Amino acid sequence: WDHFTAADSYRDDVAKAKAAGARKIGEGSGNDWVRALKAERREEGKLRRRETLPLLGVAAGTSYVAALLAVAQVWGLVMAGAVLLPAIAALMGYGHREHGRRNPDLTPLVHFAPAHTAQDAPLTDDALNRSLRVAGLMTDEETLALVGRIVSTDIDASEGVFDLPDGLVYSEVKAKLEKIAGALRIDPEWLDIRQHGHPGRISVWMTRTDPYEAHRTSPLVGHTGTLNTWRVGVPVAYDKRGTVLYLPLTNVAYLIGGATRAGKGIAVRNILCGAALDPRVRIRIATGRKPAEHSHFSRVAATFFGGNSGPLRARLDHLLDALDAEINRRERILTERGKSELEEDDLGEFPIELVIVDEAKFYTDADTMGKEAEQRAARMAHIAAIGAALGILLVVAVQDPTVAIIPGPLAANLRGRWSMRVDGEKAAAAILGSGAAGKGMRPQDLPHDSPGLGIMDMPGNARIKSRAYMIDQKGAAHEVTDI
């Protein structure tokens, strides 16, 4: 109303004129000044009311009020309240615009302080330049070029992208990571340098606290709806930057191992919870020990049994027979359709068969079971090799592994490897393959007080140190699988 009567533009001036007249200030009469201002205000109001926008607004407003009253009459005040919401939003927008027009000096200014300007910022371009010079990678005349700005990625972590000086490439910087970390006065584990786009550009992430010190809750906790384990995968762990690491349930069979209380069970629970949220997955669990650890998942599993007695080992043999027959059936049908492997569109007809063999030692240890274990391991190797492309995925979990428990042919066909802390180099080699230590994979050196901390070596996540998400057996696991 103030806008259409021009009161907003003349209110203060009229008030001043009235005050001046009361105090008899100036040569002219204050009342004359007031009358002149009011006349000018009326003319300005007339001009505003003739503008196209106000006329359209009046017409639209009248129609809107009529419609609102009709809705209230027919459907009641509840529906009328819902119909009133657009009017409130429009008035708020119009009021915001008018406020900005009348008060141009009050335009809001939002200022985002770059992370590297803070005194305690983990990463600064000056510190990084100095560290590369200390490492012998740059001369005093050379400098890194910051691309964009350094941003905070966590409470005590920041990340920046830099262009390297001419002649310096990512591989040379990566090779000197330990020296760079020393110059920055941090543990090398607290620094991560990756190629960003091309060899002359790097992404640098840095923190001043141990990124694996505390457990992080699985993103599956509180997740609503289904999960696409084929295309996206199951979120099972995170790396030092906090990036979610996914384990896709397609085309790969997995081997998970570790010492007692190292976190193998946590890893398996993450997989089971994620698989339970995808209705296209059939879960089959065979555990070599007493089944109490996975008993909760029996209600979402198509097959569940546990124990290391002769009849239960025979039951695993029957399951392997059924899987072998299913492989032959799927292979025959897909061949007739001109396909060599399963595609996501086929999952309605051929669901993912997720077969988890936990505590595999009690099924495949040739040292204690001889020929029987060797034959069973050979059959599992065959299913892992052929079944992965047909939606039949084998996940083998083992504690304190040896070559006798995971023989070469079986290990070779379990291409996805995830090792928690182990008790020696032989156990590390049994999970991650021979020569793992030479590739920088030493799970035997992981700390004892960080269950779930391990090393992944699988397609898409090659040789990555990670920690499995916390998803406890009774609480979170019940919440996720309560479907």
Protein backbone atom coordinates (compact mmCIF):
# COMPACT_ATOMS: atom_id res chain seq x y z
CA TRP A 1 0.00 0.00 0.00
CA ASP A 2 2.89 2.33 0.82
CA HIS A 3 4.30 1.69 -2.65
CA PHE A 4 1.07 2.41 -4.54
CA THR A 5 0.38 5.62 -2.55
CA ALA A 6 4.06 6.73 -2.70
CA ALA A 7 4.02 7.02 1.08
CA ASP A 8 7.28 5.07 1.27
CA SER A 9 9.16 7.81 -0.64
CA TYR A 10 7.63 10.87 1.09
CA ARG A 11 6.92 9.78 4.67
CA ASP A 12 10.22 11.04 6.10
CA ASP A 13 10.12 14.32 4.17
CA VAL A 14 6.56 15.08 5.31
CA ALA A 15 7.50 14.33 8.90
CA LYS A 16 10.47 16.70 8.67
CA ALA A 17 8.29 19.43 7.14
CA LYS A 18 5.74 19.10 9.94
CA ALA A 19 8.51 19.29 12.54
CA ALA A 20 9.99 22.36 10.84
CA GLY A 21 6.60 24.06 10.81
CA ALA A 22 6.10 23.37 14.50
CA ARG A 23 9.45 24.92 15.35
CA LYS A 24 8.93 27.80 12.85
CA ILE A 25 12.25 27.10 11.19
CA GLY A 26 13.08 28.89 7.94
CA GLU A 27 11.44 31.71 6.14
CA GLY A 28 8.57 29.74 4.58
CA SER A 29 5.66 28.19 6.34
CA GLY A 30 6.08 24.57 7.37
CA ASN A 31 2.45 23.92 6.43
CA ASP A 32 3.10 25.07 2.85
CA TRP A 33 5.98 22.68 2.63
CA VAL A 34 3.79 19.85 3.90
CA ARG A 35 1.03 20.63 1.40
CA ALA A 36 3.54 20.72 -1.48
CA LEU A 37 5.00 17.37 -0.48
CA LYS A 38 1.58 15.76 -0.16
CA ALA A 39 0.58 17.02 -3.61
CA GLU A 40 3.79 15.64 -5.08
CA ARG A 41 3.15 12.34 -3.30
CA ARG A 42 -0.33 12.10 -4.81
CA GLU A 43 1.04 12.63 -8.32
CA GLU A 44 3.73 10.04 -7.80
CA GLY A 45 1.11 7.59 -6.51
CA LYS A 46 -1.03 8.11 -9.60
CA LEU A 47 1.95 7.35 -11.85
CA ARG A 48 2.74 4.17 -9.94
CA ARG A 49 -0.86 2.94 -10.08
CA ARG A 50 -0.85 3.35 -13.87
CA GLU A 51 2.18 1.12 -14.36
CA THR A 52 1.54 -2.16 -16.18
CA LEU A 53 2.81 -4.34 -13.34
CA PRO A 54 0.51 -2.89 -10.66
CA LEU A 55 -2.52 -3.19 -12.97
CA LEU A 56 -1.71 -6.81 -13.74
CA GLY A 57 -1.06 -7.40 -10.07
CA VAL A 58 -4.46 -6.03 -9.08
CA ALA A 59 -6.20 -8.15 -11.73
CA ALA A 60 -4.30 -11.28 -10.75
CA GLY A 61 -4.80 -10.61 -7.06
CA THR A 62 -8.55 -10.16 -7.50
CA SER A 63 -8.81 -13.40 -9.45
CA TYR A 64 -6.66 -15.19 -6.90
CA VAL A 65 -8.78 -14.01 -3.97
CA ALA A 66 -11.94 -15.09 -5.80
CA ALA A 67 -10.46 -18.54 -6.45
CA LEU A 68 -9.29 -18.79 -2.83
CA LEU A 69 -12.76 -18.02 -1.53
CA ALA A 70 -14.26 -20.58 -3.91
CA VAL A 71 -11.84 -23.26 -2.70
CA ALA A 72 -12.62 -22.41 0.92
CA GLN A 73 -16.35 -22.60 0.23
CA VAL A 74 -16.18 -25.96 -1.57
CA TRP A 75 -13.31 -27.84 0.12
CA GLY A 76 -12.88 -26.01 3.39
CA LEU A 77 -10.18 -23.95 5.10
CA VAL A 78 -7.53 -26.70 5.03
CA MET A 79 -7.37 -26.72 1.24
CA ALA A 80 -7.63 -22.93 1.18
CA GLY A 81 -4.53 -22.76 3.38
CA ALA A 82 -2.58 -24.86 0.89
CA VAL A 83 -3.75 -22.65 -2.00
CA LEU A 84 -2.65 -19.58 -0.03
CA LEU A 85 1.00 -20.67 0.05
CA PRO A 86 1.85 -19.38 -3.49
CA ALA A 87 0.49 -15.96 -2.50
CA ILE A 88 2.71 -15.86 0.55
CA ALA A 89 5.75 -16.84 -1.55
CA ALA A 90 4.91 -14.19 -4.17
CA LEU A 91 4.50 -11.48 -1.54
CA MET A 92 7.79 -12.43 0.06
CA GLY A 93 9.56 -12.22 -3.30
CA TYR A 94 7.94 -8.89 -4.14
CA GLY A 95 8.75 -7.50 -0.70
CA HIS A 96 12.38 -8.58 -1.00
CA ARG A 97 12.64 -6.82 -4.37
CA GLU A 98 11.07 -3.65 -3.03
CA HIS A 99 13.31 -3.67 0.02
CA GLY A 100 16.36 -3.86 -2.22
CA ARG A 101 15.02 -1.07 -4.46
CA ARG A 102 14.34 1.27 -1.55
CA ASN A 103 17.54 0.45 0.34
CA PRO A 104 20.29 0.01 -2.26
CA ASP A 105 22.97 0.52 0.38
CA LEU A 106 21.78 -2.53 2.32
CA THR A 107 22.51 -5.09 -0.42
CA PRO A 108 23.70 -8.21 1.44
CA LEU A 109 27.27 -9.28 0.95
CA VAL A 110 28.18 -12.92 1.57
CA HIS A 111 31.89 -13.51 2.13
CA PHE A 112 33.39 -16.99 2.09
CA ALA A 113 36.85 -17.02 3.62
CA PRO A 114 39.10 -19.48 1.78
CA ALA A 115 40.31 -22.31 4.00
CA HIS A 116 43.96 -21.41 3.54
CA THR A 117 43.54 -17.93 5.07
CA ALA A 118 42.96 -19.37 8.53
CA GLN A 119 46.01 -19.35 10.78
CA ASP A 120 45.61 -23.04 11.62
CA ALA A 121 44.65 -24.23 8.13
CA PRO A 122 46.19 -27.66 7.45
CA LEU A 123 47.25 -26.78 3.89
CA THR A 124 48.59 -23.47 2.56
CA ASP A 125 50.16 -22.76 -0.80
CA ASP A 126 53.20 -21.17 0.89
CA ALA A 127 53.86 -24.26 3.03
CA LEU A 128 53.43 -26.58 0.03
CA ASN A 129 55.83 -24.51 -2.09
CA ARG A 130 58.41 -24.63 0.67
CA SER A 131 58.01 -28.40 1.15
CA LEU A 132 58.54 -29.11 -2.57
CA ARG A 133 61.68 -26.98 -2.51
CA VAL A 134 62.95 -28.85 0.57
CA ALA A 135 62.26 -32.13 -1.27
CA GLY A 136 64.43 -30.91 -4.15
CA LEU A 137 61.58 -30.77 -6.66
CA MET A 138 61.61 -27.01 -7.28
CA THR A 139 64.12 -24.19 -7.23
CA ASP A 140 63.63 -20.97 -5.27
CA GLU A 141 62.50 -19.22 -8.47
CA GLU A 142 59.83 -21.84 -9.28
CA THR A 143 56.41 -21.90 -7.68
CA LEU A 144 53.14 -23.80 -7.77
CA ALA A 145 50.13 -22.12 -9.35
CA LEU A 146 46.99 -22.51 -7.24
CA VAL A 147 43.97 -23.43 -9.36
CA GLY A 148 40.86 -21.97 -7.75
CA ARG A 149 41.23 -21.88 -3.99
CA ILE A 150 42.06 -24.23 -1.14
CA VAL A 151 38.85 -25.56 0.41
CA SER A 152 38.03 -27.25 3.70
CA THR A 153 36.96 -30.87 3.26
CA ASP A 154 36.62 -31.87 6.91
CA ILE A 155 37.00 -30.42 10.38
CA ASP A 156 40.79 -30.48 10.18
CA ALA A 157 41.48 -31.19 6.51
CA SER A 158 41.77 -29.13 3.35
CA GLU A 159 42.41 -29.72 -0.33
CA GLY A 160 43.75 -27.70 -3.23
CA VAL A 161 44.59 -28.15 -6.91
CA PHE A 162 47.93 -26.89 -8.21
CA ASP A 163 49.66 -26.57 -11.57
CA LEU A 164 53.26 -27.76 -11.39
CA PRO A 165 56.16 -25.75 -12.86
CA ASP A 166 57.24 -26.69 -16.37
CA GLY A 167 59.26 -29.89 -16.42
CA LEU A 168 57.82 -31.28 -13.16
CA VAL A 169 55.19 -34.04 -13.32
CA TYR A 170 52.95 -35.86 -10.87
CA SER A 171 55.00 -39.10 -10.73
CA GLU A 172 58.08 -37.18 -9.53
CA VAL A 173 56.07 -35.46 -6.81
CA LYS A 174 54.44 -38.72 -5.71
CA ALA A 175 57.86 -40.37 -5.39
CA LYS A 176 58.93 -37.70 -2.89
CA LEU A 177 55.75 -37.83 -0.79
CA GLU A 178 57.61 -38.86 2.38
CA LYS A 179 60.05 -35.94 2.10
CA ILE A 180 57.21 -33.53 1.38
CA ALA A 181 55.34 -34.79 4.45
CA GLY A 182 58.48 -34.39 6.53
CA ALA A 183 58.85 -30.78 5.41
CA LEU A 184 55.21 -30.20 6.32
CA ARG A 185 55.82 -31.83 9.72
CA ILE A 186 53.08 -34.42 9.33
CA ASP A 187 52.79 -38.20 9.01
CA PRO A 188 52.89 -39.29 5.34
CA GLU A 189 49.51 -40.97 5.93
CA TRP A 190 48.05 -37.51 6.54
CA LEU A 191 49.00 -36.29 3.07
CA ASP A 192 47.49 -37.43 -0.23
CA ILE A 193 48.69 -36.31 -3.65
CA ARG A 194 46.92 -37.39 -6.83
CA GLN A 195 47.10 -36.49 -10.49
CA HIS A 196 44.33 -34.08 -11.44
CA GLY A 197 43.47 -34.26 -15.13
CA HIS A 198 47.00 -34.31 -16.57
CA PRO A 199 50.53 -35.02 -15.24
CA GLY A 200 51.28 -31.33 -14.80
CA ARG A 201 48.41 -30.76 -12.33
CA ILE A 202 48.01 -32.30 -8.87
CA SER A 203 45.34 -32.46 -6.20
CA VAL A 204 46.79 -32.17 -2.70
CA TRP A 205 44.85 -33.17 0.41
CA MET A 206 46.23 -32.72 3.90
CA THR A 207 45.08 -33.12 7.49
CA ARG A 208 46.64 -32.69 10.90
CA THR A 209 44.81 -35.58 12.58
CA ASP A 210 44.76 -39.30 11.87
CA PRO A 211 42.02 -39.76 9.22
CA TYR A 212 41.44 -43.36 10.34
CA GLU A 213 41.48 -42.76 14.09
CA ALA A 214 37.72 -42.81 14.63
CA HIS A 215 35.13 -45.15 13.18
CA ARG A 216 32.59 -43.64 10.80
CA THR A 217 29.02 -44.87 10.76
CA SER A 218 27.90 -46.57 7.57
CA PRO A 219 25.84 -44.39 5.21
CA LEU A 220 23.45 -47.33 5.07
CA VAL A 221 22.28 -46.45 8.58
CA GLY A 222 19.29 -44.20 8.08
CA HIS A 223 19.17 -44.98 4.36
CA THR A 224 15.64 -45.26 3.01
CA GLY A 225 14.63 -47.01 -0.16
CA THR A 226 16.51 -49.54 -2.22
CA LEU A 227 20.15 -49.69 -3.28
CA ASN A 228 21.55 -50.36 -6.76
CA THR A 229 24.34 -52.77 -5.93
CA TRP A 230 24.96 -53.58 -9.60
CA ARG A 231 25.59 -50.12 -11.00
CA VAL A 232 26.65 -48.23 -7.87
CA GLY A 233 27.72 -50.91 -5.43
CA VAL A 234 27.64 -51.27 -1.66
CA PRO A 235 29.31 -48.51 0.40
CA VAL A 236 31.66 -50.53 2.56
CA ALA A 237 34.58 -48.30 3.55
CA TYR A 238 36.23 -44.89 3.26
CA ASP A 239 39.73 -43.75 2.34
CA LYS A 240 41.90 -41.14 4.07
CA ARG A 241 40.03 -38.29 2.35
CA GLY A 242 36.73 -39.65 3.59
CA THR A 243 35.71 -40.71 0.09
CA VAL A 244 33.13 -43.50 0.07
CA LEU A 245 34.49 -46.74 -1.39
CA TYR A 246 31.93 -48.94 -3.10
CA LEU A 247 32.03 -52.68 -3.65
CA PRO A 248 29.99 -53.43 -6.80
CA LEU A 249 28.13 -56.73 -6.92
CA THR A 250 28.96 -57.42 -10.54
CA ASN A 251 31.64 -59.27 -12.50
CA VAL A 252 34.03 -59.73 -9.56
CA ALA A 253 34.42 -62.37 -6.85
CA TYR A 254 35.98 -61.22 -3.58
CA LEU A 255 38.39 -62.45 -0.92
CA ILE A 256 38.32 -60.81 2.53
CA GLY A 257 40.77 -61.81 5.25
CA GLY A 258 42.38 -60.75 8.47
CA ALA A 259 43.58 -61.79 11.89
CA THR A 260 41.36 -62.31 14.91
CA ARG A 261 39.44 -59.12 15.85
CA ALA A 262 40.91 -57.25 12.89
CA GLY A 263 37.53 -56.33 11.40
CA LYS A 264 36.76 -59.01 8.83
CA GLY A 265 33.30 -59.45 10.34
CA ILE A 266 32.60 -55.71 10.04
CA ALA A 267 33.44 -55.85 6.34
CA VAL A 268 31.13 -58.82 5.77
CA ARG A 269 28.28 -57.07 7.63
CA ASN A 270 28.63 -54.01 5.40
CA ILE A 271 28.24 -56.21 2.33
CA LEU A 272 25.28 -58.09 3.78
CA CYS A 273 23.44 -54.93 4.80
CA GLY A 274 23.93 -53.34 1.38
CA ALA A 275 22.85 -56.50 -0.42
CA ALA A 276 19.71 -56.69 1.73
CA LEU A 277 18.63 -53.29 0.36
CA ASP A 278 18.67 -54.47 -3.26
CA PRO A 279 15.64 -56.67 -4.03
CA ARG A 280 17.48 -58.10 -7.04
CA VAL A 281 20.02 -59.86 -4.81
CA ARG A 282 19.60 -63.34 -3.34
CA ILE A 283 21.82 -63.73 -0.31
CA ARG A 284 23.24 -67.15 0.51
CA ILE A 285 25.38 -67.50 3.64
CA ALA A 286 27.53 -70.47 4.64
CA THR A 287 29.68 -69.90 7.71
CA GLY A 288 32.20 -72.43 8.95
CA ARG A 289 31.76 -71.57 12.60
CA LYS A 290 28.63 -71.32 14.71
CA PRO A 291 26.17 -69.13 12.82
CA ALA A 292 25.39 -66.72 15.68
CA GLU A 293 27.41 -63.87 14.14
CA HIS A 294 25.22 -63.80 11.04
CA SER A 295 21.98 -65.19 12.47
CA HIS A 296 20.24 -61.83 12.17
CA PHE A 297 20.67 -61.97 8.39
CA SER A 298 18.87 -65.30 8.15
CA ARG A 299 15.59 -63.44 7.61
CA VAL A 300 16.91 -61.69 4.50
CA ALA A 301 18.90 -64.66 3.19
CA ALA A 302 17.64 -67.25 0.73
CA THR A 303 20.11 -69.76 2.19
CA PHE A 304 21.67 -69.73 5.64
CA PHE A 305 23.58 -72.40 7.56
CA GLY A 306 26.67 -72.66 9.68
CA GLY A 307 28.96 -75.08 11.47
CA ASN A 308 31.89 -77.29 10.60
CA SER A 309 30.39 -80.75 10.99
CA GLY A 310 30.40 -83.24 8.14
CA PRO A 311 26.69 -82.78 7.26
CA LEU A 312 27.09 -79.00 7.11
CA ARG A 313 30.14 -79.26 4.87
CA ALA A 314 28.05 -81.55 2.68
CA ARG A 315 25.37 -78.87 2.61
CA LEU A 316 27.90 -76.44 1.14
CA ASP A 317 28.68 -79.08 -1.49
CA HIS A 318 24.97 -79.25 -2.36
CA LEU A 319 24.88 -75.44 -2.64
CA LEU A 320 27.88 -75.53 -4.97
CA ASP A 321 26.08 -78.18 -7.06
CA ALA A 322 23.04 -75.90 -7.36
CA LEU A 323 25.19 -72.89 -8.29
CA ASP A 324 27.03 -74.91 -10.91
CA ALA A 325 23.71 -75.98 -12.43
CA GLU A 326 22.46 -72.38 -12.39
CA ILE A 327 25.64 -71.24 -14.17
CA ASN A 328 25.02 -73.78 -16.92
CA ARG A 329 21.37 -72.71 -17.22
CA ARG A 330 22.14 -69.01 -17.44
CA GLU A 331 24.99 -69.58 -19.85
CA ARG A 332 22.76 -71.63 -22.16
CA ILE A 333 19.90 -69.08 -22.17
CA LEU A 334 22.15 -66.08 -22.65
CA THR A 335 24.01 -67.83 -25.48
CA GLU A 336 20.69 -68.43 -27.23
CA ARG A 337 20.01 -64.70 -26.91
CA GLY A 338 23.41 -63.76 -28.30
CA LYS A 339 24.83 -62.53 -25.00
CA SER A 340 28.12 -63.48 -23.41
CA GLU A 341 27.40 -62.07 -19.94
CA LEU A 342 24.60 -60.81 -17.76
CA GLU A 343 23.41 -57.21 -18.06
CA GLU A 344 21.44 -55.11 -15.60
CA ASP A 345 18.28 -55.46 -17.67
CA ASP A 346 18.47 -59.23 -17.10
CA LEU A 347 18.35 -59.03 -13.29
CA GLY A 348 14.58 -59.31 -13.20
CA GLU A 349 14.89 -62.79 -14.68
CA PHE A 350 18.31 -63.71 -13.29
CA PRO A 351 18.83 -62.13 -9.83
CA ILE A 352 22.30 -61.67 -8.42
CA GLU A 353 23.31 -64.75 -6.45
CA LEU A 354 25.55 -63.43 -3.66
CA VAL A 355 27.24 -66.41 -2.00
CA ILE A 356 29.18 -65.59 1.17
CA VAL A 357 31.41 -68.33 2.53
CA ASP A 358 32.60 -67.04 5.89
CA GLU A 359 35.28 -68.75 7.99
CA ALA A 360 36.29 -70.64 4.85
CA LYS A 361 39.07 -72.39 6.76
CA PHE A 362 36.53 -74.94 8.01
CA TYR A 363 35.59 -75.83 4.43
CA THR A 364 38.81 -75.54 2.42
CA ASP A 365 41.75 -76.30 4.75
CA ALA A 366 43.65 -79.03 2.94
CA ASP A 367 45.96 -79.52 5.94
CA THR A 368 43.08 -80.85 8.07
CA MET A 369 40.61 -82.20 5.50
CA GLY A 370 42.91 -83.31 2.69
CA LYS A 371 41.36 -84.25 -0.66
CA GLU A 372 37.84 -83.23 0.36
CA ALA A 373 38.97 -79.62 0.98
CA GLU A 374 41.03 -79.52 -2.21
CA GLN A 375 38.05 -80.60 -4.31
CA ARG A 376 35.75 -78.10 -2.61
CA ALA A 377 38.22 -75.26 -3.15
CA ALA A 378 38.57 -76.26 -6.82
CA ARG A 379 34.79 -76.12 -7.29
CA MET A 380 34.64 -72.70 -5.61
CA ALA A 381 37.41 -71.50 -7.94
CA HIS A 382 35.38 -72.71 -10.94
CA ILE A 383 32.24 -70.87 -9.76
CA ALA A 384 34.23 -67.70 -9.02
CA ALA A 385 35.81 -67.79 -12.48
CA ILE A 386 32.68 -68.38 -14.58
CA GLY A 387 29.83 -67.25 -12.33
CA ALA A 388 30.90 -63.61 -11.90
CA ALA A 389 29.95 -62.69 -15.48
CA LEU A 390 26.59 -64.43 -15.00
CA GLY A 391 25.55 -62.70 -11.78
CA ILE A 392 26.74 -65.45 -9.42
CA LEU A 393 29.24 -63.80 -7.09
CA LEU A 394 31.37 -65.57 -4.52
CA VAL A 395 32.65 -63.74 -1.43
CA VAL A 396 35.13 -65.78 0.59
CA ALA A 397 36.03 -64.53 4.08
CA VAL A 398 38.81 -66.17 6.05
CA GLN A 399 40.69 -65.66 9.28
CA ASP A 400 44.45 -66.23 9.50
CA PRO A 401 44.70 -67.41 5.87
CA THR A 402 47.34 -69.70 4.43
CA VAL A 403 47.97 -71.13 0.98
CA ALA A 404 46.48 -74.42 2.19
CA ILE A 405 43.20 -72.63 2.98
CA ILE A 406 43.13 -70.39 -0.10
CA PRO A 407 45.01 -72.35 -2.78
CA GLY A 408 46.39 -70.66 -5.86
CA PRO A 409 43.55 -71.43 -8.33
CA LEU A 410 40.92 -70.13 -5.89
CA ALA A 411 42.90 -67.02 -5.01
CA ALA A 412 43.51 -66.27 -8.71
CA ASN A 413 39.76 -66.16 -9.42
CA LEU A 414 38.92 -64.01 -6.40
CA ARG A 415 40.07 -60.83 -8.11
CA GLY A 416 38.78 -58.41 -5.50
CA ARG A 417 41.01 -58.52 -2.41
CA TRP A 418 40.50 -56.82 0.97
CA SER A 419 42.94 -57.51 3.77
CA MET A 420 42.58 -56.34 7.35
CA ARG A 421 45.54 -56.61 9.74
CA VAL A 422 47.25 -60.01 9.48
CA ASP A 423 49.92 -61.68 11.56
CA GLY A 424 52.66 -61.99 8.98
CA GLU A 425 53.89 -61.70 5.42
CA LYS A 426 52.63 -65.16 4.43
CA ALA A 427 49.07 -64.30 5.48
CA ALA A 428 49.32 -61.01 3.58
CA ALA A 429 50.48 -62.86 0.47
CA ALA A 430 47.64 -65.39 0.83
CA ILE A 431 45.10 -62.55 0.61
CA LEU A 432 46.75 -59.88 -1.54
CA GLY A 433 48.97 -62.15 -3.63
CA SER A 434 52.69 -62.76 -3.72
CA GLY A 435 54.74 -59.61 -3.97
CA ALA A 436 52.17 -57.55 -2.05
CA ALA A 437 54.85 -56.03 0.17
CA GLY A 438 56.83 -54.93 -2.88
CA LYS A 439 53.77 -53.03 -4.08
CA GLY A 440 53.48 -51.19 -0.78
CA MET A 441 50.71 -53.40 0.62
CA ARG A 442 51.70 -54.46 4.13
CA PRO A 443 48.58 -55.30 6.18
CA GLN A 444 50.86 -56.97 8.71
CA ASP A 445 51.98 -53.47 9.78
CA LEU A 446 48.49 -52.14 10.51
CA PRO A 447 47.79 -51.20 14.15
CA HIS A 448 46.00 -53.63 16.44
CA ASP A 449 43.58 -51.07 17.86
CA SER A 450 41.84 -50.10 14.59
CA PRO A 451 39.41 -52.87 13.61
CA GLY A 452 38.21 -52.49 10.05
CA LEU A 453 41.39 -50.76 8.92
CA GLY A 454 42.78 -52.58 5.90
CA ILE A 455 44.06 -52.51 2.34
CA MET A 456 41.88 -52.93 -0.73
CA ASP A 457 43.21 -54.23 -4.02
CA MET A 458 40.32 -54.60 -6.41
CA PRO A 459 39.08 -53.18 -9.70
CA GLY A 460 38.39 -49.49 -9.21
CA ASN A 461 40.10 -49.38 -5.80
CA ALA A 462 43.59 -50.69 -6.43
CA ARG A 463 45.92 -50.74 -3.42
CA ILE A 464 43.90 -48.32 -1.29
CA LYS A 465 44.21 -48.08 2.45
CA SER A 466 40.72 -47.90 3.89
CA ARG A 467 38.62 -48.48 6.97
CA ALA A 468 35.34 -50.34 6.94
CA TYR A 469 32.29 -48.42 8.08
CA MET A 470 31.02 -49.20 11.55
CA ILE A 471 27.83 -51.18 11.41
CA ASP A 472 27.44 -53.11 14.64
CA GLN A 473 25.93 -56.55 14.71
CA LYS A 474 22.86 -55.91 16.85
CA GLY A 475 21.99 -52.22 16.49
CA ALA A 476 22.74 -50.75 13.08
CA ALA A 477 22.52 -54.06 11.24
CA HIS A 478 19.01 -54.59 12.63
CA GLU A 479 18.01 -51.07 11.57
CA VAL A 480 19.30 -51.42 8.02
CA THR A 481 17.83 -54.85 7.36
CA ASP A 482 14.50 -54.16 9.06
CA ILE A 483 12.63 -54.44 5.76
